[in-house]
Amino acid sequence: MPDHFALYIGTAFAAGVCLALLYKETLDSRRDEKPTETSTTSDELLPRSGPPAIVNGIEGCIGNTPLFRIKSLSDETGCEILAKAEFLNGAGQSSKDRVALSMIEMAEEMDILKPYSGDTIYEGTSGSTGISLATLARAKGYLAHICMPSDQAIEKSNLLLKLGAIVDRVPPAPIVEKNNFVNRARSLAKAHTESADPTTDEGELAEDAKQGRGFFADQFENGANWRAHYRGSGPEIYAQCNGKLDAFVAGAGTGGTISGVARFLKPLLPNMTVVLADPQGSGLYNRVRYGVMFDPKEREGTRRRRQVDTIVEGIGINRVTANFEAGKELVDDAVRVTDAQALAMARWLVEKDGIFIGSSSAVNCFAAVKTAQKLGPGHRIVTVLGDSGARHLSRFWAKAGDVGGAVDTKLTDILNAKDEDFQ
């Protein structure tokens, strides 16, 4: 009997390793496919089984994040609401790890970045992309210079400084102005490259070339962004769901997540609904619903104040980026989420499930509930938890307040939340 048991354990372990290798090989093979071609069948993608293999460096800890059932929301709606735990990515602890790694690797392939040459990565970001870039820059032999709006949570810029990045907190300004945080990062990268003189008159590498070049990552327009999710998040979700899901719900800041996942899943699951979760003040809700970029608080091309009037960070925008454009036609519907609703949902998830998330994840979960109510019981909905609430303590969670002890919030309280609830 012990011999049979040992044989069983050995066989099971070997099978788990084989499944893990098969899944990795399948994902790697997709890197060479054209983005518009999705021919994978349900038999070709299998969930990873068994413990993960040893990886090379912190960048090897990115991807293959868990997909888990949010018990309270599933029980309340009668749908299976699943969350992709992107805050468990191992470098910068957010979904932006995938994007940062993809942008750096593409730049290396194009010989725009060279490790340990003094090259510096510049980016304009509300925080999470900068944290991922700063982490991976150190891991791969670069420096990082991050520009971010000054109204973002202070813990983000504090963390960037601890990671060795140079940080510029600049006053919020619309994208049409040169002082916008994205435009500042672009101009700094350009000035850095122009000031470097890496070659001598004879064309050889100069001794003082350690200043390196400036690389503007450009997460809003860089196609490496949506491709990171097309090659990673999308296949993982498909495998974890065994090819069975009815809706995917996500917000859009750069637009990379919703576009990349939609481009992978839609050809395989043409009846699946892709839903945009959009905070107040953002114009994408009306772009998806009515084809016009307009919000009552904003006017496209004429703004001269902060870009999006919301406490939510990381999603919501008033222009169509190249990354959102890549999957725009695959987005079927949109849900508008107010600040009060996002705050109430964040508190609910702590109270009911012990899930502590950031502002954009709260928006996603609220939109997932609305999608569940629209589809009706019995459906499976996947959404994204982009980062932890620990990055939102001084702003979003300061407004949300402490959850307290014995409370019994009803889902209707979340759906009907008003600004005065958080005065």
Protein backbone atom coordinates (compact mmCIF):
# COMPACT_ATOMS: atom_id res chain seq x y z
CA MET A 1 0.00 0.00 0.00
CA PRO A 2 2.79 2.52 0.83
CA ASP A 3 4.43 1.77 -2.54
CA HIS A 4 1.17 2.49 -4.35
CA PHE A 5 0.73 5.71 -2.41
CA ALA A 6 4.26 6.87 -3.24
CA LEU A 7 3.70 6.03 -6.89
CA TYR A 8 0.46 8.02 -6.87
CA ILE A 9 2.13 11.07 -5.32
CA GLY A 10 5.00 10.92 -7.79
CA THR A 11 2.65 10.62 -10.75
CA ALA A 12 0.50 13.53 -9.55
CA PHE A 13 3.53 15.75 -9.04
CA ALA A 14 4.89 14.91 -12.51
CA ALA A 15 1.50 15.65 -14.04
CA GLY A 16 1.42 19.03 -12.31
CA VAL A 17 4.84 19.93 -13.65
CA CYS A 18 3.85 18.90 -17.16
CA LEU A 19 0.70 21.03 -17.02
CA ALA A 20 2.70 24.03 -15.82
CA LEU A 21 5.24 23.64 -18.62
CA LEU A 22 2.48 23.19 -21.21
CA TYR A 23 0.75 26.37 -20.07
CA LYS A 24 3.99 28.36 -20.13
CA GLU A 25 4.90 27.02 -23.59
CA THR A 26 1.46 27.95 -24.91
CA LEU A 27 1.71 31.52 -23.58
CA ASP A 28 5.25 31.94 -24.91
CA SER A 29 4.18 30.77 -28.36
CA ARG A 30 1.56 33.53 -28.48
CA ARG A 31 4.27 36.21 -28.42
CA ASP A 32 4.94 35.54 -32.09
CA GLU A 33 1.29 35.72 -33.18
CA LYS A 34 -0.25 38.74 -34.83
CA PRO A 35 -2.49 40.54 -32.32
CA THR A 36 -5.56 40.19 -34.50
CA GLU A 37 -5.24 36.43 -34.76
CA THR A 38 -6.65 34.37 -31.90
CA SER A 39 -6.93 30.71 -32.78
CA THR A 40 -6.47 29.15 -29.32
CA THR A 41 -8.96 26.49 -28.28
CA SER A 42 -9.97 25.61 -24.74
CA ASP A 43 -7.78 22.51 -24.84
CA GLU A 44 -4.63 24.53 -25.57
CA LEU A 45 -4.70 26.66 -22.39
CA LEU A 46 -4.60 24.92 -19.05
CA PRO A 47 -4.47 26.39 -15.55
CA ARG A 48 -1.08 26.13 -13.89
CA SER A 49 -0.93 23.19 -11.49
CA GLY A 50 1.42 22.57 -8.62
CA PRO A 51 3.95 24.93 -7.05
CA PRO A 52 5.59 27.52 -9.32
CA ALA A 53 9.08 26.96 -10.61
CA ILE A 54 12.13 28.96 -9.52
CA VAL A 55 12.28 32.18 -11.55
CA ASN A 56 15.12 34.53 -12.43
CA GLY A 57 14.83 37.81 -10.53
CA ILE A 58 11.88 39.82 -9.26
CA GLU A 59 10.62 40.27 -12.83
CA GLY A 60 9.93 36.54 -12.91
CA CYS A 61 7.29 37.06 -10.20
CA ILE A 62 5.03 39.00 -12.55
CA GLY A 63 1.88 37.37 -13.90
CA ASN A 64 -0.06 34.18 -13.11
CA THR A 65 -1.98 36.02 -10.40
CA PRO A 66 -4.87 34.24 -8.62
CA LEU A 67 -8.49 34.55 -9.71
CA PHE A 68 -10.80 34.30 -6.72
CA ARG A 69 -14.51 34.43 -5.96
CA ILE A 70 -15.71 37.54 -4.12
CA LYS A 71 -18.05 35.72 -1.80
CA SER A 72 -20.26 38.58 -0.63
CA LEU A 73 -20.93 40.04 -4.08
CA SER A 74 -21.49 36.61 -5.62
CA ASP A 75 -23.96 35.63 -2.90
CA GLU A 76 -25.84 38.94 -3.14
CA THR A 77 -26.20 38.94 -6.94
CA GLY A 78 -26.58 35.25 -7.71
CA CYS A 79 -23.72 35.56 -10.20
CA GLU A 80 -20.17 34.31 -9.78
CA ILE A 81 -18.13 37.49 -9.48
CA LEU A 82 -14.43 36.69 -9.81
CA ALA A 83 -11.52 39.02 -9.13
CA LYS A 84 -8.11 38.88 -10.81
CA ALA A 85 -5.75 39.65 -7.90
CA GLU A 86 -3.30 41.88 -9.76
CA PHE A 87 -2.11 43.42 -6.49
CA LEU A 88 -0.23 40.14 -6.01
CA ASN A 89 2.15 40.76 -8.90
CA GLY A 90 5.60 40.41 -7.38
CA ALA A 91 7.51 43.52 -8.44
CA GLY A 92 5.48 46.70 -7.93
CA GLN A 93 2.42 44.87 -6.55
CA SER A 94 -0.05 46.06 -9.17
CA SER A 95 -1.35 45.27 -12.64
CA LYS A 96 1.16 47.82 -13.97
CA ASP A 97 3.98 45.34 -13.40
CA ARG A 98 2.94 43.60 -16.61
CA VAL A 99 2.91 46.87 -18.55
CA ALA A 100 6.21 48.16 -17.18
CA LEU A 101 8.01 44.91 -17.97
CA SER A 102 6.52 44.78 -21.46
CA MET A 103 7.55 48.38 -22.26
CA ILE A 104 11.10 47.84 -20.98
CA GLU A 105 11.55 44.57 -22.86
CA MET A 106 10.27 46.06 -26.10
CA ALA A 107 12.65 49.02 -25.72
CA GLU A 108 15.52 46.60 -25.13
CA GLU A 109 14.60 44.60 -28.23
CA MET A 110 14.65 47.84 -30.25
CA ASP A 111 18.03 48.81 -28.70
CA ILE A 112 16.48 51.92 -27.15
CA LEU A 113 17.50 50.78 -23.66
CA LYS A 114 20.77 49.11 -22.69
CA PRO A 115 21.23 47.78 -19.13
CA TYR A 116 23.87 49.42 -16.93
CA SER A 117 24.63 52.09 -19.53
CA GLY A 118 23.24 55.00 -17.52
CA ASP A 119 19.96 54.99 -19.45
CA THR A 120 17.05 56.54 -17.58
CA ILE A 121 13.35 55.64 -17.91
CA TYR A 122 10.99 58.63 -17.80
CA GLU A 123 7.25 58.30 -17.31
CA GLY A 124 4.19 60.39 -16.51
CA THR A 125 1.94 58.41 -14.18
CA SER A 126 -0.58 58.72 -11.36
CA GLY A 127 1.60 56.33 -9.39
CA SER A 128 1.34 52.60 -9.97
CA THR A 129 3.10 52.48 -13.34
CA GLY A 130 5.87 54.61 -11.91
CA ILE A 131 6.30 52.25 -8.95
CA SER A 132 6.50 49.24 -11.27
CA LEU A 133 8.96 51.03 -13.57
CA ALA A 134 11.11 52.17 -10.65
CA THR A 135 11.23 48.62 -9.26
CA LEU A 136 12.07 47.01 -12.59
CA ALA A 137 14.54 49.75 -13.49
CA ARG A 138 16.60 48.80 -10.46
CA ALA A 139 16.21 45.10 -11.22
CA LYS A 140 17.35 45.49 -14.83
CA GLY A 141 20.05 48.14 -14.58
CA TYR A 142 18.36 51.49 -15.26
CA LEU A 143 17.40 54.67 -13.44
CA ALA A 144 13.87 56.05 -13.21
CA HIS A 145 12.49 59.60 -13.32
CA ILE A 146 8.78 59.79 -12.56
CA CYS A 147 6.44 62.76 -13.11
CA MET A 148 3.06 62.63 -11.36
CA PRO A 149 0.22 65.02 -10.51
CA SER A 150 0.68 66.63 -7.10
CA ASP A 151 -2.86 65.72 -6.03
CA GLN A 152 -2.17 61.97 -5.98
CA ALA A 153 -1.75 60.11 -2.69
CA ILE A 154 1.54 61.10 -1.07
CA GLU A 155 2.44 57.51 -0.17
CA LYS A 156 2.97 56.78 -3.86
CA SER A 157 5.67 59.41 -4.31
CA ASN A 158 7.21 58.45 -0.96
CA LEU A 159 7.50 54.86 -2.14
CA LEU A 160 9.04 55.98 -5.43
CA LEU A 161 11.72 57.86 -3.54
CA LYS A 162 12.50 54.77 -1.45
CA LEU A 163 12.92 52.85 -4.71
CA GLY A 164 15.56 55.32 -5.85
CA ALA A 165 13.52 57.18 -8.45
CA ILE A 166 13.63 60.91 -9.07
CA VAL A 167 10.10 62.22 -8.52
CA ASP A 168 8.48 65.37 -9.89
CA ARG A 169 5.09 66.17 -8.35
CA VAL A 170 3.62 68.73 -10.74
CA PRO A 171 0.35 70.70 -10.49
CA PRO A 172 -2.56 68.96 -12.27
CA ALA A 173 -2.98 70.22 -15.84
CA PRO A 174 -4.85 68.95 -18.92
CA ILE A 175 -2.97 67.08 -21.61
CA VAL A 176 -3.20 70.08 -23.96
CA GLU A 177 -0.79 72.02 -21.72
CA LYS A 178 2.99 71.53 -21.74
CA ASN A 179 3.13 71.32 -17.94
CA ASN A 180 0.92 68.23 -17.86
CA PHE A 181 2.77 65.43 -16.04
CA VAL A 182 2.92 63.25 -19.19
CA ASN A 183 4.21 66.08 -21.37
CA ARG A 184 6.83 66.95 -18.75
CA ALA A 185 8.15 63.38 -18.70
CA ARG A 186 8.33 63.37 -22.50
CA SER A 187 10.26 66.64 -22.65
CA LEU A 188 12.68 65.59 -19.90
CA ALA A 189 13.48 62.34 -21.71
CA LYS A 190 14.08 64.23 -24.95
CA ALA A 191 16.34 66.77 -23.24
CA HIS A 192 18.28 63.97 -21.52
CA THR A 193 18.97 62.18 -24.80
CA GLU A 194 19.93 65.39 -26.59
CA SER A 195 22.36 66.38 -23.85
CA ALA A 196 24.14 63.03 -23.96
CA ASP A 197 27.00 62.67 -26.44
CA PRO A 198 27.77 58.96 -26.38
CA THR A 199 30.26 58.87 -29.25
CA THR A 200 33.59 60.47 -30.08
CA ASP A 201 34.44 62.06 -33.43
CA GLU A 202 35.67 58.64 -34.53
CA GLY A 203 32.26 57.12 -33.73
CA GLU A 204 33.53 55.11 -30.74
CA LEU A 205 31.86 55.03 -27.33
CA ALA A 206 33.05 57.92 -25.19
CA GLU A 207 34.45 57.34 -21.70
CA ASP A 208 31.88 59.67 -20.08
CA ALA A 209 28.88 58.09 -21.80
CA LYS A 210 27.44 56.86 -18.49
CA GLN A 211 24.86 59.65 -18.65
CA GLY A 212 23.11 57.35 -21.07
CA ARG A 213 19.92 58.12 -22.92
CA GLY A 214 16.45 59.14 -21.84
CA PHE A 215 13.61 56.75 -22.66
CA PHE A 216 10.02 58.01 -22.43
CA ALA A 217 7.94 54.91 -21.66
CA ASP A 218 4.69 56.55 -22.86
CA GLN A 219 2.27 54.10 -21.25
CA PHE A 220 -0.80 55.84 -22.70
CA GLU A 221 0.27 55.43 -26.34
CA ASN A 222 2.83 52.59 -26.22
CA GLY A 223 1.37 49.42 -27.76
CA ALA A 224 3.50 47.30 -25.43
CA ASN A 225 0.86 48.18 -22.83
CA TRP A 226 -2.18 46.41 -24.29
CA ARG A 227 0.02 43.61 -25.63
CA ALA A 228 1.11 42.81 -22.08
CA HIS A 229 -2.51 41.98 -21.24
CA TYR A 230 -3.16 40.27 -24.57
CA ARG A 231 -0.24 37.94 -23.90
CA GLY A 232 -0.67 37.62 -20.13
CA SER A 233 -3.88 38.63 -18.37
CA GLY A 234 -6.22 37.46 -21.15
CA PRO A 235 -4.81 33.93 -21.52
CA GLU A 236 -4.61 33.54 -17.74
CA ILE A 237 -8.26 34.51 -17.25
CA TYR A 238 -9.34 32.18 -20.05
CA ALA A 239 -7.40 29.28 -18.55
CA GLN A 240 -8.53 29.94 -14.98
CA CYS A 241 -12.16 30.07 -16.10
CA ASN A 242 -11.76 27.01 -18.32
CA GLY A 243 -13.04 29.17 -21.16
CA LYS A 244 -16.34 29.90 -19.41
CA LEU A 245 -17.18 33.51 -18.60
CA ASP A 246 -19.98 35.86 -19.53
CA ALA A 247 -18.53 39.32 -18.88
CA PHE A 248 -15.24 41.10 -18.30
CA VAL A 249 -15.36 44.39 -16.40
CA ALA A 250 -12.47 46.86 -16.14
CA GLY A 251 -11.72 50.54 -15.94
CA ALA A 252 -9.51 52.46 -18.34
CA GLY A 253 -6.77 54.95 -17.59
CA THR A 254 -4.33 54.13 -20.35
CA GLY A 255 -6.84 51.60 -21.71
CA GLY A 256 -4.30 48.79 -21.93
CA THR A 257 -6.02 46.29 -19.63
CA ILE A 258 -9.49 46.40 -21.14
CA SER A 259 -8.18 46.46 -24.72
CA GLY A 260 -5.62 43.69 -24.30
CA VAL A 261 -7.94 41.32 -22.45
CA ALA A 262 -10.85 42.05 -24.81
CA ARG A 263 -8.69 41.41 -27.88
CA PHE A 264 -7.70 38.03 -26.53
CA LEU A 265 -11.04 36.87 -25.16
CA LYS A 266 -13.57 38.19 -27.67
CA PRO A 267 -12.55 36.00 -30.63
CA LEU A 268 -12.70 32.94 -28.36
CA LEU A 269 -15.91 34.01 -26.59
CA PRO A 270 -17.87 36.18 -29.05
CA ASN A 271 -20.94 36.26 -26.79
CA MET A 272 -18.98 37.58 -23.82
CA THR A 273 -19.75 41.16 -22.77
CA VAL A 274 -16.92 43.64 -22.21
CA VAL A 275 -17.92 46.42 -19.81
CA LEU A 276 -16.04 49.64 -19.07
CA ALA A 277 -16.08 50.80 -15.44
CA ASP A 278 -15.73 54.58 -15.50
CA PRO A 279 -15.50 57.06 -12.60
CA GLN A 280 -17.33 60.38 -12.50
CA GLY A 281 -15.75 63.17 -14.53
CA SER A 282 -14.35 60.80 -17.16
CA GLY A 283 -15.57 61.03 -20.74
CA LEU A 284 -15.10 57.38 -21.71
CA TYR A 285 -18.53 56.34 -20.42
CA ASN A 286 -20.23 58.57 -22.97
CA ARG A 287 -17.72 57.59 -25.66
CA VAL A 288 -18.76 53.94 -25.27
CA ARG A 289 -22.46 54.59 -24.73
CA TYR A 290 -23.07 57.41 -27.22
CA GLY A 291 -19.95 57.72 -29.34
CA VAL A 292 -19.15 61.22 -28.06
CA MET A 293 -16.41 62.17 -25.60
CA PHE A 294 -18.33 64.39 -23.23
CA ASP A 295 -19.07 64.61 -19.52
CA PRO A 296 -21.19 67.30 -17.84
CA LYS A 297 -18.08 68.30 -15.86
CA GLU A 298 -15.75 68.35 -18.88
CA ARG A 299 -15.47 69.59 -22.46
CA GLU A 300 -13.01 67.90 -24.74
CA GLY A 301 -10.21 70.15 -25.99
CA THR A 302 -11.29 73.19 -23.94
CA ARG A 303 -10.36 72.16 -20.40
CA ARG A 304 -8.00 74.37 -18.41
CA ARG A 305 -8.22 72.65 -15.03
CA ARG A 306 -7.64 69.20 -13.51
CA GLN A 307 -8.22 66.42 -15.97
CA VAL A 308 -10.90 64.35 -14.24
CA ASP A 309 -13.01 65.56 -11.31
CA THR A 310 -12.90 62.46 -9.10
CA ILE A 311 -11.17 61.11 -6.02
CA VAL A 312 -10.46 57.87 -7.91
CA GLU A 313 -6.86 57.45 -9.06
CA GLY A 314 -5.52 55.40 -11.97
CA ILE A 315 -8.59 55.27 -14.21
CA GLY A 316 -10.79 57.86 -15.91
CA ILE A 317 -9.65 60.05 -18.76
CA ASN A 318 -11.00 62.53 -21.29
CA ARG A 319 -9.26 61.45 -24.43
CA VAL A 320 -9.00 58.22 -26.41
CA THR A 321 -5.48 56.87 -26.06
CA ALA A 322 -3.84 54.56 -28.57
CA ASN A 323 -4.20 51.71 -26.08
CA PHE A 324 -7.93 52.27 -25.60
CA GLU A 325 -8.34 52.68 -29.36
CA ALA A 326 -6.80 49.21 -29.82
CA GLY A 327 -9.84 47.57 -28.24
CA LYS A 328 -12.50 50.28 -28.33
CA GLU A 329 -14.75 48.46 -30.80
CA LEU A 330 -14.82 45.40 -28.52
CA VAL A 331 -16.24 47.29 -25.52
CA ASP A 332 -19.97 46.59 -25.40
CA ASP A 333 -21.20 48.68 -22.48
CA ALA A 334 -20.14 51.09 -19.75
CA VAL A 335 -21.10 51.74 -16.12
CA ARG A 336 -20.70 55.17 -14.53
CA VAL A 337 -19.56 55.01 -10.88
CA THR A 338 -19.68 58.02 -8.55
CA ASP A 339 -17.07 58.72 -5.91
CA ALA A 340 -19.61 57.91 -3.18
CA GLN A 341 -20.38 54.54 -4.76
CA ALA A 342 -16.68 53.69 -5.06
CA LEU A 343 -16.05 54.68 -1.42
CA ALA A 344 -19.02 52.64 -0.23
CA MET A 345 -17.93 49.58 -2.24
CA ALA A 346 -14.39 49.76 -0.83
CA ARG A 347 -15.81 49.79 2.72
CA TRP A 348 -18.20 46.91 1.88
CA LEU A 349 -15.38 44.67 0.66
CA VAL A 350 -13.45 45.18 3.90
CA GLU A 351 -16.56 44.65 6.03
CA LYS A 352 -17.83 41.55 4.24
CA ASP A 353 -14.72 39.90 2.74
CA GLY A 354 -11.62 41.38 4.35
CA ILE A 355 -10.52 42.68 0.93
CA PHE A 356 -8.59 45.96 1.14
CA ILE A 357 -8.29 47.55 -2.29
CA GLY A 358 -7.57 50.84 -4.00
CA SER A 359 -9.98 53.26 -5.62
CA SER A 360 -9.95 51.93 -9.19
CA SER A 361 -10.59 48.38 -7.94
CA ALA A 362 -13.61 49.63 -6.00
CA VAL A 363 -14.97 51.18 -9.21
CA ASN A 364 -14.44 47.86 -11.01
CA CYS A 365 -16.30 45.91 -8.32
CA PHE A 366 -19.24 48.31 -8.31
CA ALA A 367 -19.50 48.01 -12.11
CA ALA A 368 -19.28 44.21 -11.80
CA VAL A 369 -22.32 44.25 -9.48
CA LYS A 370 -24.27 46.43 -11.91
CA THR A 371 -23.31 44.08 -14.74
CA ALA A 372 -24.45 41.08 -12.68
CA GLN A 373 -27.80 42.73 -12.05
CA LYS A 374 -28.19 43.45 -15.75
CA LEU A 375 -27.28 39.93 -16.86
CA GLY A 376 -29.26 38.19 -14.12
CA PRO A 377 -28.34 35.29 -11.81
CA GLY A 378 -26.23 32.38 -13.02
CA HIS A 379 -23.60 34.30 -14.97
CA ARG A 380 -19.84 34.49 -14.43
CA ILE A 381 -18.21 37.92 -14.34
CA VAL A 382 -14.49 38.66 -14.08
CA THR A 383 -13.05 41.97 -12.91
CA VAL A 384 -9.64 43.29 -11.88
CA LEU A 385 -8.22 44.33 -8.49
CA GLY A 386 -5.35 46.51 -9.61
CA ASP A 387 -3.65 47.48 -6.36
CA SER A 388 -3.92 47.49 -2.59
CA GLY A 389 -5.66 50.12 -0.49
CA ALA A 390 -2.30 50.75 1.21
CA ARG A 391 -1.43 53.12 -1.66
CA HIS A 392 -4.58 55.14 -1.11
CA LEU A 393 -4.53 55.83 2.64
CA SER A 394 -3.98 59.58 2.54
CA ARG A 395 -6.64 60.39 -0.04
CA PHE A 396 -9.26 57.78 -1.02
CA TRP A 397 -9.27 55.85 2.27
CA ALA A 398 -9.01 59.06 4.29
CA LYS A 399 -12.35 59.97 2.71
CA ALA A 400 -13.78 56.46 3.11
CA GLY A 401 -12.99 56.47 6.83
CA ASP A 402 -12.63 53.54 9.20
CA VAL A 403 -14.95 50.60 8.67
CA GLY A 404 -15.60 50.07 12.37
CA GLY A 405 -16.60 46.97 14.28
CA ALA A 406 -20.09 45.47 14.20
CA VAL A 407 -21.70 46.85 11.05
CA ASP A 408 -24.30 45.37 8.74
CA THR A 409 -24.30 47.25 5.45
CA LYS A 410 -26.83 46.25 2.79
CA LEU A 411 -26.01 46.09 -0.90
CA THR A 412 -28.74 48.65 -1.56
CA ASP A 413 -26.77 51.07 0.64
CA ILE A 414 -23.82 50.70 -1.73
CA LEU A 415 -25.88 51.09 -4.87
CA ASN A 416 -27.61 54.22 -3.51
CA ALA A 417 -24.57 55.84 -1.85
CA LYS A 418 -24.50 59.65 -1.96
CA ASP A 419 -21.79 62.24 -1.46
CA GLU A 420 -23.33 63.36 1.82
CA ASP A 421 -22.62 59.88 3.22
CA PHE A 422 -18.92 60.81 3.24
CA GLN A 423 -18.95 64.41 4.40
